[in-house]
N, C-alpha and C. Protein backbone atom coordinates (compact mmCIF):
# COMPACT_ATOMS: atom_id res chain seq x y z
N UNK A 1 134.42 65.96 77.69
CA UNK A 1 134.94 64.89 78.52
C UNK A 1 136.01 64.14 77.74
N UNK A 2 136.93 63.57 78.47
CA UNK A 2 138.03 62.85 77.83
C UNK A 2 137.67 61.42 77.44
N UNK A 3 136.59 60.90 77.98
CA UNK A 3 136.08 59.57 77.63
C UNK A 3 134.65 59.79 77.15
N UNK A 4 134.29 59.13 76.06
CA UNK A 4 132.96 59.35 75.50
C UNK A 4 131.88 58.57 76.26
N UNK A 5 130.67 59.07 76.14
CA UNK A 5 129.51 58.38 76.70
C UNK A 5 129.07 57.30 75.72
N UNK A 6 128.44 56.27 76.24
CA UNK A 6 127.82 55.27 75.39
C UNK A 6 126.31 55.51 75.43
N UNK A 7 125.60 55.07 74.42
CA UNK A 7 124.13 55.14 74.50
C UNK A 7 123.64 54.32 75.69
N UNK A 8 122.61 54.78 76.36
CA UNK A 8 122.08 54.13 77.55
C UNK A 8 121.82 52.64 77.31
N UNK A 9 121.31 52.30 76.16
CA UNK A 9 120.96 50.89 75.89
C UNK A 9 122.18 49.97 75.85
N UNK A 10 123.38 50.54 75.77
CA UNK A 10 124.59 49.72 75.75
C UNK A 10 125.12 49.39 77.15
N UNK A 11 124.52 49.99 78.18
CA UNK A 11 124.92 49.70 79.55
C UNK A 11 124.17 48.47 80.04
N UNK A 12 124.74 47.70 80.95
CA UNK A 12 124.05 46.51 81.47
C UNK A 12 122.70 46.87 82.09
N UNK A 13 121.79 45.94 82.05
CA UNK A 13 120.42 46.16 82.53
C UNK A 13 120.39 46.61 83.99
N UNK A 14 121.32 46.12 84.83
CA UNK A 14 121.25 46.46 86.25
C UNK A 14 121.78 47.86 86.55
N UNK A 15 122.39 48.51 85.57
CA UNK A 15 122.87 49.89 85.73
C UNK A 15 121.79 50.89 85.31
N UNK A 16 120.98 50.51 84.37
CA UNK A 16 119.98 51.44 83.81
C UNK A 16 119.00 52.02 84.83
N UNK A 17 118.58 51.27 85.85
CA UNK A 17 117.69 51.90 86.86
C UNK A 17 118.34 53.09 87.57
N UNK A 18 119.66 53.05 87.77
CA UNK A 18 120.36 54.19 88.36
C UNK A 18 120.19 55.42 87.47
N UNK A 19 120.34 55.22 86.15
CA UNK A 19 120.20 56.33 85.21
C UNK A 19 118.77 56.86 85.22
N UNK A 20 117.80 55.96 85.31
CA UNK A 20 116.40 56.37 85.35
C UNK A 20 116.15 57.23 86.59
N UNK A 21 116.69 56.80 87.74
CA UNK A 21 116.52 57.56 88.98
C UNK A 21 117.20 58.93 88.87
N UNK A 22 118.38 58.98 88.25
CA UNK A 22 119.06 60.26 88.08
C UNK A 22 118.23 61.20 87.20
N UNK A 23 117.71 60.66 86.12
CA UNK A 23 116.90 61.49 85.21
C UNK A 23 115.66 62.00 85.93
N UNK A 24 115.07 61.16 86.74
CA UNK A 24 113.88 61.56 87.49
C UNK A 24 114.22 62.64 88.53
N UNK A 25 115.33 62.47 89.23
CA UNK A 25 115.71 63.41 90.29
C UNK A 25 116.29 64.72 89.75
N UNK A 26 117.17 64.61 88.75
CA UNK A 26 117.92 65.78 88.27
C UNK A 26 117.45 66.30 86.91
N UNK A 27 116.57 65.56 86.25
CA UNK A 27 116.11 65.96 84.92
C UNK A 27 117.06 65.54 83.82
N UNK A 28 118.12 64.85 84.19
CA UNK A 28 119.11 64.39 83.22
C UNK A 28 119.96 63.29 83.85
N UNK A 29 120.57 62.49 83.00
CA UNK A 29 121.51 61.48 83.49
C UNK A 29 122.82 62.19 83.79
N UNK A 30 123.42 61.86 84.91
CA UNK A 30 124.66 62.51 85.31
C UNK A 30 125.84 61.94 84.52
N UNK A 31 126.67 62.83 84.00
CA UNK A 31 127.82 62.42 83.18
C UNK A 31 128.75 61.46 83.92
N UNK A 32 129.06 61.69 85.20
CA UNK A 32 129.94 60.73 85.88
C UNK A 32 129.34 59.32 85.91
N UNK A 33 128.04 59.22 86.04
CA UNK A 33 127.40 57.91 86.04
C UNK A 33 127.63 57.18 84.73
N UNK A 34 127.59 57.92 83.65
CA UNK A 34 127.83 57.31 82.34
C UNK A 34 129.27 56.81 82.22
N UNK A 35 130.19 57.51 82.87
CA UNK A 35 131.59 57.07 82.84
C UNK A 35 131.82 55.89 83.79
N UNK A 36 131.37 56.01 85.05
CA UNK A 36 131.51 54.90 85.99
C UNK A 36 130.81 53.66 85.44
N UNK A 37 129.70 53.87 84.73
CA UNK A 37 128.93 52.76 84.18
C UNK A 37 129.67 51.93 83.17
N UNK A 38 130.76 52.44 82.63
CA UNK A 38 131.59 51.66 81.71
C UNK A 38 132.24 50.48 82.44
N UNK A 39 132.32 50.57 83.75
CA UNK A 39 132.78 49.47 84.59
C UNK A 39 131.63 49.17 85.57
N UNK A 40 130.66 48.37 85.14
CA UNK A 40 129.41 48.22 85.88
C UNK A 40 129.54 47.83 87.35
N UNK A 41 130.41 46.91 87.67
CA UNK A 41 130.53 46.51 89.07
C UNK A 41 131.17 47.60 89.90
N UNK A 42 132.10 48.32 89.32
CA UNK A 42 132.69 49.47 90.01
C UNK A 42 131.61 50.54 90.23
N UNK A 43 130.81 50.80 89.21
CA UNK A 43 129.71 51.77 89.32
C UNK A 43 128.78 51.39 90.47
N UNK A 44 128.35 50.14 90.51
CA UNK A 44 127.42 49.70 91.54
C UNK A 44 128.03 49.85 92.93
N UNK A 45 129.30 49.53 93.07
CA UNK A 45 129.99 49.64 94.35
C UNK A 45 130.10 51.09 94.79
N UNK A 46 130.48 51.97 93.88
CA UNK A 46 130.60 53.39 94.19
C UNK A 46 129.24 53.97 94.56
N UNK A 47 128.19 53.58 93.84
CA UNK A 47 126.84 54.06 94.13
C UNK A 47 126.39 53.62 95.53
N UNK A 48 126.69 52.38 95.89
CA UNK A 48 126.31 51.90 97.22
C UNK A 48 127.09 52.64 98.31
N UNK A 49 128.38 52.89 98.07
CA UNK A 49 129.18 53.62 99.05
C UNK A 49 128.64 55.03 99.24
N UNK A 50 128.31 55.70 98.14
CA UNK A 50 127.74 57.04 98.24
C UNK A 50 126.43 57.00 99.04
N UNK A 51 125.59 56.02 98.75
CA UNK A 51 124.33 55.89 99.47
C UNK A 51 124.55 55.70 100.96
N UNK A 52 125.55 54.93 101.33
CA UNK A 52 125.85 54.71 102.74
C UNK A 52 126.32 55.99 103.42
N UNK A 53 127.11 56.78 102.71
CA UNK A 53 127.64 58.01 103.29
C UNK A 53 126.61 59.14 103.36
N UNK A 54 125.67 59.15 102.44
CA UNK A 54 124.70 60.25 102.39
C UNK A 54 123.33 59.82 102.89
N UNK A 55 123.28 58.84 103.75
CA UNK A 55 122.01 58.34 104.27
C UNK A 55 121.42 59.31 105.29
N UNK A 56 120.12 59.26 105.44
CA UNK A 56 119.42 60.13 106.38
C UNK A 56 119.86 59.90 107.82
N UNK A 57 120.23 58.68 108.16
CA UNK A 57 120.61 58.37 109.54
C UNK A 57 122.09 58.65 109.84
N UNK A 58 122.78 59.30 108.93
CA UNK A 58 124.19 59.64 109.18
C UNK A 58 124.29 60.49 110.45
N UNK A 59 125.32 60.29 111.25
CA UNK A 59 125.49 61.12 112.43
C UNK A 59 125.91 62.56 112.09
N UNK A 60 126.31 62.79 110.85
CA UNK A 60 126.70 64.13 110.41
C UNK A 60 125.49 64.81 109.77
N UNK A 61 125.30 66.07 110.07
CA UNK A 61 124.15 66.78 109.52
C UNK A 61 124.25 66.89 108.00
N UNK A 62 123.12 66.97 107.32
CA UNK A 62 123.16 67.12 105.86
C UNK A 62 123.94 68.36 105.41
N UNK A 63 123.81 69.46 106.13
CA UNK A 63 124.54 70.68 105.75
C UNK A 63 126.04 70.45 105.89
N UNK A 64 126.48 69.85 106.98
CA UNK A 64 127.90 69.59 107.17
C UNK A 64 128.43 68.66 106.08
N UNK A 65 127.68 67.62 105.76
CA UNK A 65 128.11 66.71 104.69
C UNK A 65 128.26 67.47 103.38
N UNK A 66 127.34 68.35 103.09
CA UNK A 66 127.42 69.11 101.84
C UNK A 66 128.57 70.11 101.85
N UNK A 67 128.81 70.76 102.99
CA UNK A 67 129.95 71.67 103.08
C UNK A 67 131.24 70.94 102.75
N UNK A 68 131.40 69.76 103.32
CA UNK A 68 132.60 68.96 103.09
C UNK A 68 132.73 68.57 101.62
N UNK A 69 131.64 68.11 101.01
CA UNK A 69 131.75 67.66 99.62
C UNK A 69 132.04 68.82 98.67
N UNK A 70 131.47 69.98 98.93
CA UNK A 70 131.78 71.13 98.07
C UNK A 70 133.23 71.54 98.27
N UNK A 71 133.69 71.57 99.51
CA UNK A 71 135.08 71.99 99.78
C UNK A 71 136.08 71.07 99.09
N UNK A 72 135.90 69.77 99.21
CA UNK A 72 136.81 68.83 98.53
C UNK A 72 136.75 69.07 97.02
N UNK A 73 135.57 69.30 96.50
CA UNK A 73 135.39 69.53 95.06
C UNK A 73 136.13 70.79 94.61
N UNK A 74 136.07 71.85 95.43
CA UNK A 74 136.79 73.08 95.10
C UNK A 74 138.30 72.82 95.06
N UNK A 75 138.81 72.14 96.05
CA UNK A 75 140.24 71.88 96.14
C UNK A 75 140.71 71.07 94.92
N UNK A 76 139.92 70.09 94.51
CA UNK A 76 140.30 69.21 93.40
C UNK A 76 139.87 69.73 92.03
N UNK A 77 139.34 70.91 91.99
CA UNK A 77 138.93 71.55 90.73
C UNK A 77 138.00 70.67 89.91
N UNK A 78 137.02 70.10 90.56
CA UNK A 78 136.03 69.28 89.86
C UNK A 78 134.81 70.14 89.56
N UNK A 79 134.69 70.57 88.30
CA UNK A 79 133.57 71.44 87.92
C UNK A 79 132.23 70.77 88.16
N UNK A 80 132.10 69.51 87.78
CA UNK A 80 130.84 68.81 87.98
C UNK A 80 130.49 68.74 89.47
N UNK A 81 131.45 68.34 90.29
CA UNK A 81 131.19 68.16 91.72
C UNK A 81 130.85 69.48 92.41
N UNK A 82 131.56 70.54 92.07
CA UNK A 82 131.23 71.84 92.65
C UNK A 82 129.80 72.21 92.27
N UNK A 83 129.45 71.98 91.03
CA UNK A 83 128.12 72.30 90.52
C UNK A 83 127.03 71.54 91.27
N UNK A 84 127.08 70.24 91.26
CA UNK A 84 125.99 69.46 91.86
C UNK A 84 126.00 69.52 93.39
N UNK A 85 127.18 69.50 94.00
CA UNK A 85 127.25 69.55 95.46
C UNK A 85 126.88 70.92 96.01
N UNK A 86 127.18 71.98 95.26
CA UNK A 86 126.76 73.32 95.68
C UNK A 86 125.25 73.45 95.63
N UNK A 87 124.65 72.86 94.62
CA UNK A 87 123.19 72.87 94.53
C UNK A 87 122.57 72.13 95.72
N UNK A 88 123.17 71.00 96.08
CA UNK A 88 122.68 70.25 97.24
C UNK A 88 122.87 71.06 98.52
N UNK A 89 124.02 71.71 98.67
CA UNK A 89 124.27 72.55 99.84
C UNK A 89 123.27 73.69 99.89
N UNK A 90 123.01 74.32 98.78
CA UNK A 90 122.05 75.42 98.73
C UNK A 90 120.67 74.94 99.20
N UNK A 91 120.27 73.78 98.74
CA UNK A 91 118.98 73.21 99.14
C UNK A 91 118.97 72.89 100.63
N UNK A 92 120.03 72.27 101.12
CA UNK A 92 120.08 71.85 102.52
C UNK A 92 120.24 73.03 103.48
N UNK A 93 121.04 74.02 103.09
CA UNK A 93 121.30 75.16 103.98
C UNK A 93 120.19 76.20 103.89
N UNK A 94 119.49 76.23 102.77
CA UNK A 94 118.41 77.19 102.61
C UNK A 94 118.86 78.61 102.39
N UNK A 95 120.15 78.82 102.19
CA UNK A 95 120.67 80.17 101.96
C UNK A 95 121.94 80.07 101.13
N UNK A 96 122.10 81.00 100.23
CA UNK A 96 123.24 81.00 99.32
C UNK A 96 124.56 81.34 100.01
N UNK A 97 124.53 81.98 101.17
CA UNK A 97 125.76 82.42 101.82
C UNK A 97 126.70 81.26 102.13
N UNK A 98 126.16 80.13 102.57
CA UNK A 98 127.03 78.99 102.89
C UNK A 98 127.76 78.50 101.65
N UNK A 99 127.12 78.61 100.50
CA UNK A 99 127.76 78.22 99.24
C UNK A 99 128.75 79.31 98.82
N UNK A 100 128.29 80.55 98.81
CA UNK A 100 129.10 81.66 98.31
C UNK A 100 130.38 81.89 99.09
N UNK A 101 130.36 81.66 100.39
CA UNK A 101 131.51 81.98 101.22
C UNK A 101 132.41 80.79 101.52
N UNK A 102 132.08 79.63 100.98
CA UNK A 102 132.86 78.43 101.31
C UNK A 102 134.31 78.54 100.86
N UNK A 103 134.55 79.19 99.75
CA UNK A 103 135.93 79.32 99.28
C UNK A 103 136.79 80.11 100.27
N UNK A 104 136.16 80.92 101.11
CA UNK A 104 136.86 81.72 102.12
C UNK A 104 136.42 81.32 103.54
N UNK A 105 136.23 80.03 103.76
CA UNK A 105 135.67 79.57 105.02
C UNK A 105 136.50 79.98 106.24
N UNK A 106 137.82 80.12 106.07
CA UNK A 106 138.68 80.45 107.21
C UNK A 106 138.36 81.83 107.78
N UNK A 107 137.94 82.76 106.93
CA UNK A 107 137.68 84.13 107.38
C UNK A 107 136.20 84.47 107.47
N UNK A 108 135.35 83.65 106.92
CA UNK A 108 133.91 83.90 106.95
C UNK A 108 133.36 83.70 108.36
N UNK A 109 132.39 84.49 108.72
CA UNK A 109 131.78 84.41 110.06
C UNK A 109 130.49 83.59 110.07
N UNK A 110 130.08 83.02 108.94
CA UNK A 110 128.78 82.35 108.90
C UNK A 110 128.81 80.87 109.29
N UNK A 111 129.99 80.31 109.48
CA UNK A 111 130.09 78.88 109.80
C UNK A 111 130.22 78.68 111.30
N UNK A 112 129.59 77.63 111.79
CA UNK A 112 129.69 77.30 113.21
C UNK A 112 131.10 76.78 113.52
N UNK A 113 131.42 76.69 114.80
CA UNK A 113 132.73 76.16 115.21
C UNK A 113 132.91 74.73 114.71
N UNK A 114 131.85 73.92 114.79
CA UNK A 114 131.93 72.52 114.33
C UNK A 114 132.14 72.48 112.81
N UNK A 115 131.48 73.35 112.07
CA UNK A 115 131.66 73.39 110.62
C UNK A 115 133.08 73.81 110.26
N UNK A 116 133.60 74.81 110.96
CA UNK A 116 134.98 75.26 110.71
C UNK A 116 135.98 74.13 110.98
N UNK A 117 135.77 73.43 112.06
CA UNK A 117 136.66 72.33 112.42
C UNK A 117 136.59 71.23 111.36
N UNK A 118 135.41 70.89 110.92
CA UNK A 118 135.26 69.87 109.87
C UNK A 118 135.92 70.33 108.58
N UNK A 119 135.81 71.60 108.25
CA UNK A 119 136.44 72.13 107.03
C UNK A 119 137.96 72.15 107.17
N UNK A 120 138.46 72.46 108.35
CA UNK A 120 139.91 72.41 108.59
C UNK A 120 140.41 70.98 108.39
N UNK A 121 139.67 70.03 108.92
CA UNK A 121 140.01 68.62 108.76
C UNK A 121 139.94 68.21 107.29
N UNK A 122 138.92 68.67 106.60
CA UNK A 122 138.76 68.39 105.17
C UNK A 122 139.98 68.86 104.40
N UNK A 123 140.42 70.08 104.66
CA UNK A 123 141.61 70.60 103.99
C UNK A 123 142.84 69.76 104.31
N UNK A 124 143.01 69.40 105.58
CA UNK A 124 144.19 68.62 105.99
C UNK A 124 144.22 67.25 105.32
N UNK A 125 143.05 66.62 105.18
CA UNK A 125 143.00 65.31 104.53
C UNK A 125 143.19 65.44 103.02
N UNK A 126 142.66 66.49 102.43
CA UNK A 126 142.61 66.60 100.96
C UNK A 126 143.88 67.17 100.34
N UNK A 127 144.45 68.20 100.94
CA UNK A 127 145.65 68.79 100.36
C UNK A 127 146.83 67.83 100.53
N UNK A 128 147.56 67.60 99.46
CA UNK A 128 148.66 66.64 99.51
C UNK A 128 149.85 67.14 100.32
N UNK A 129 149.94 68.45 100.54
CA UNK A 129 151.07 68.98 101.29
C UNK A 129 150.75 69.17 102.78
N UNK A 130 149.61 68.65 103.23
CA UNK A 130 149.22 68.76 104.63
C UNK A 130 149.07 67.38 105.23
N UNK A 131 149.06 67.35 106.53
CA UNK A 131 148.82 66.11 107.27
C UNK A 131 147.83 66.41 108.39
N UNK A 132 147.20 65.37 108.86
CA UNK A 132 146.31 65.51 110.02
C UNK A 132 147.19 65.40 111.25
N UNK A 133 147.29 66.49 111.98
CA UNK A 133 148.13 66.50 113.18
C UNK A 133 147.40 65.89 114.36
N UNK A 134 148.18 65.49 115.36
CA UNK A 134 147.60 64.99 116.60
C UNK A 134 146.76 66.06 117.29
N UNK A 135 147.22 67.29 117.18
CA UNK A 135 146.49 68.41 117.80
C UNK A 135 145.13 68.60 117.13
N UNK A 136 145.07 68.50 115.81
CA UNK A 136 143.80 68.62 115.10
C UNK A 136 142.87 67.47 115.49
N UNK A 137 143.41 66.28 115.58
CA UNK A 137 142.58 65.13 115.96
C UNK A 137 142.02 65.30 117.37
N UNK A 138 142.82 65.84 118.28
CA UNK A 138 142.32 66.08 119.64
C UNK A 138 141.18 67.10 119.64
N UNK A 139 141.30 68.14 118.84
CA UNK A 139 140.21 69.12 118.74
C UNK A 139 138.97 68.50 118.12
N UNK A 140 139.15 67.63 117.12
CA UNK A 140 138.01 66.93 116.53
C UNK A 140 137.28 66.09 117.58
N UNK A 141 138.05 65.39 118.41
CA UNK A 141 137.45 64.52 119.43
C UNK A 141 136.70 65.29 120.51
N UNK A 142 136.98 66.57 120.66
CA UNK A 142 136.23 67.39 121.62
C UNK A 142 134.87 67.78 121.06
N UNK A 143 134.73 67.75 119.75
CA UNK A 143 133.48 68.18 119.10
C UNK A 143 132.70 67.01 118.53
N UNK A 144 133.41 66.03 117.99
CA UNK A 144 132.77 64.89 117.32
C UNK A 144 133.12 63.59 118.04
N UNK A 145 132.21 62.64 118.02
CA UNK A 145 132.51 61.32 118.56
C UNK A 145 133.48 60.61 117.61
N UNK A 146 134.08 59.53 118.08
CA UNK A 146 134.98 58.77 117.21
C UNK A 146 134.22 58.20 116.02
N UNK A 147 132.97 57.78 116.23
CA UNK A 147 132.16 57.29 115.11
C UNK A 147 131.91 58.41 114.10
N UNK A 148 131.65 59.62 114.59
CA UNK A 148 131.46 60.77 113.70
C UNK A 148 132.73 61.03 112.88
N UNK A 149 133.88 60.93 113.52
CA UNK A 149 135.15 61.19 112.84
C UNK A 149 135.38 60.16 111.74
N UNK A 150 135.06 58.91 112.02
CA UNK A 150 135.19 57.87 110.99
C UNK A 150 134.26 58.19 109.82
N UNK A 151 133.04 58.57 110.12
CA UNK A 151 132.07 58.93 109.08
C UNK A 151 132.56 60.12 108.27
N UNK A 152 133.06 61.14 108.95
CA UNK A 152 133.58 62.34 108.29
C UNK A 152 134.77 62.00 107.41
N UNK A 153 135.67 61.18 107.90
CA UNK A 153 136.85 60.77 107.14
C UNK A 153 136.45 59.97 105.91
N UNK A 154 135.49 59.08 106.06
CA UNK A 154 134.99 58.31 104.93
C UNK A 154 134.38 59.21 103.86
N UNK A 155 133.61 60.21 104.30
CA UNK A 155 133.00 61.15 103.36
C UNK A 155 134.07 61.94 102.61
N UNK A 156 135.06 62.43 103.32
CA UNK A 156 136.14 63.19 102.68
C UNK A 156 136.89 62.30 101.68
N UNK A 157 137.20 61.09 102.08
CA UNK A 157 137.91 60.17 101.19
C UNK A 157 137.07 59.85 99.95
N UNK A 158 135.77 59.59 100.15
CA UNK A 158 134.91 59.31 99.01
C UNK A 158 134.85 60.49 98.06
N UNK A 159 134.69 61.71 98.61
CA UNK A 159 134.58 62.87 97.73
C UNK A 159 135.89 63.13 97.01
N UNK A 160 137.01 62.81 97.63
CA UNK A 160 138.29 62.90 96.92
C UNK A 160 138.32 61.92 95.75
N UNK A 161 137.87 60.70 95.97
CA UNK A 161 137.79 59.71 94.90
C UNK A 161 136.92 60.24 93.76
N UNK A 162 135.73 60.68 94.11
CA UNK A 162 134.77 61.13 93.11
C UNK A 162 135.26 62.36 92.35
N UNK A 163 135.72 63.35 93.07
CA UNK A 163 136.12 64.59 92.40
C UNK A 163 137.41 64.43 91.60
N UNK A 164 138.32 63.60 92.06
CA UNK A 164 139.54 63.37 91.28
C UNK A 164 139.23 62.56 90.02
N UNK A 165 138.32 61.59 90.12
CA UNK A 165 137.87 60.83 88.95
C UNK A 165 137.27 61.79 87.91
N UNK A 166 136.35 62.63 88.35
CA UNK A 166 135.67 63.55 87.44
C UNK A 166 136.61 64.60 86.87
N UNK A 167 137.50 65.13 87.70
CA UNK A 167 138.44 66.15 87.22
C UNK A 167 139.41 65.55 86.20
N UNK A 168 139.90 64.34 86.47
CA UNK A 168 140.84 63.70 85.54
C UNK A 168 140.22 63.45 84.18
N UNK A 169 138.91 63.13 84.19
CA UNK A 169 138.23 62.83 82.93
C UNK A 169 137.50 64.06 82.37
N UNK A 170 137.73 65.23 82.99
CA UNK A 170 137.20 66.51 82.53
C UNK A 170 135.68 66.50 82.39
N UNK A 171 135.02 66.01 83.43
CA UNK A 171 133.56 65.99 83.44
C UNK A 171 133.07 67.42 83.68
N UNK A 172 132.26 67.96 82.79
CA UNK A 172 131.82 69.35 82.93
C UNK A 172 130.68 69.50 83.93
N UNK A 173 130.48 70.72 84.38
CA UNK A 173 129.29 71.04 85.17
C UNK A 173 128.07 70.80 84.30
N UNK A 174 126.96 70.45 84.93
CA UNK A 174 125.73 70.18 84.18
C UNK A 174 124.65 71.22 84.46
N UNK A 175 125.06 72.39 85.01
CA UNK A 175 124.13 73.50 85.16
C UNK A 175 123.21 73.45 86.36
N UNK A 176 123.63 72.77 87.42
CA UNK A 176 122.79 72.69 88.61
C UNK A 176 122.88 73.94 89.47
N UNK A 177 124.06 74.57 89.52
CA UNK A 177 124.28 75.70 90.42
C UNK A 177 125.42 76.55 89.88
N UNK A 178 125.27 77.84 89.94
CA UNK A 178 126.34 78.74 89.52
C UNK A 178 127.07 79.20 90.77
N UNK A 179 128.32 78.81 90.90
CA UNK A 179 129.11 79.20 92.07
C UNK A 179 130.45 79.72 91.60
N UNK A 180 131.08 80.58 92.42
CA UNK A 180 132.40 81.11 92.05
C UNK A 180 133.47 80.03 92.10
N UNK A 181 134.55 80.20 91.36
CA UNK A 181 135.68 79.26 91.41
C UNK A 181 136.43 79.41 92.72
N UNK A 182 137.37 78.50 93.00
CA UNK A 182 138.17 78.63 94.23
C UNK A 182 138.80 80.01 94.35
N UNK A 183 139.01 80.45 95.59
CA UNK A 183 139.44 81.80 95.88
C UNK A 183 140.78 82.19 95.28
N UNK A 184 141.76 81.27 95.30
CA UNK A 184 143.07 81.65 94.81
C UNK A 184 143.81 80.41 94.29
N UNK A 185 144.96 80.66 93.74
CA UNK A 185 145.74 79.58 93.13
C UNK A 185 146.16 78.52 94.15
N UNK A 186 146.24 78.85 95.44
CA UNK A 186 146.65 77.85 96.43
C UNK A 186 145.61 76.73 96.54
N UNK A 187 144.39 76.98 96.07
CA UNK A 187 143.36 75.94 96.09
C UNK A 187 143.59 74.89 95.03
N UNK A 188 144.61 75.05 94.19
CA UNK A 188 144.89 74.09 93.14
C UNK A 188 145.83 72.98 93.59
N UNK A 189 146.39 73.08 94.77
CA UNK A 189 147.34 72.05 95.20
C UNK A 189 146.66 70.77 95.55
């Protein structure tokens, strides 16, 4: 990593419970948490935003949310995010195919029409050389409610924040899931 970790005891007391929960859930403290924790109020805000987006009552299915987060992570070349989000997708989808074929989602036959549409939107929002067209938005509105679209957009924007933060600081994968790298060089834009 490009920024060093501090010993846990050097983080403010109100951040340490997050680390304890991570260690309990994942068996280890997550490296991004140690970096975000260097700015405690920013860490707390980001953690609350993530919690709001990944809540059980989200109008977006857990599998769809995970597909989106892995796809954004692939585009932004975030090793940590691809690792942990692929593991979550594998758990939620119950099958490795959704993880394995995500890099080729446009040609894969395993995704539903709604998943394909959400992934198309994810690419349009994430790639800097693309825009969300009026035509794409109209197709989204035929499948998703406006509240769903806001939720989906928030999730894509959050994952862009998270994966770009981690990629810029060279946060490594922590061994949660072994997945292939993006399909081709065009995924680097």
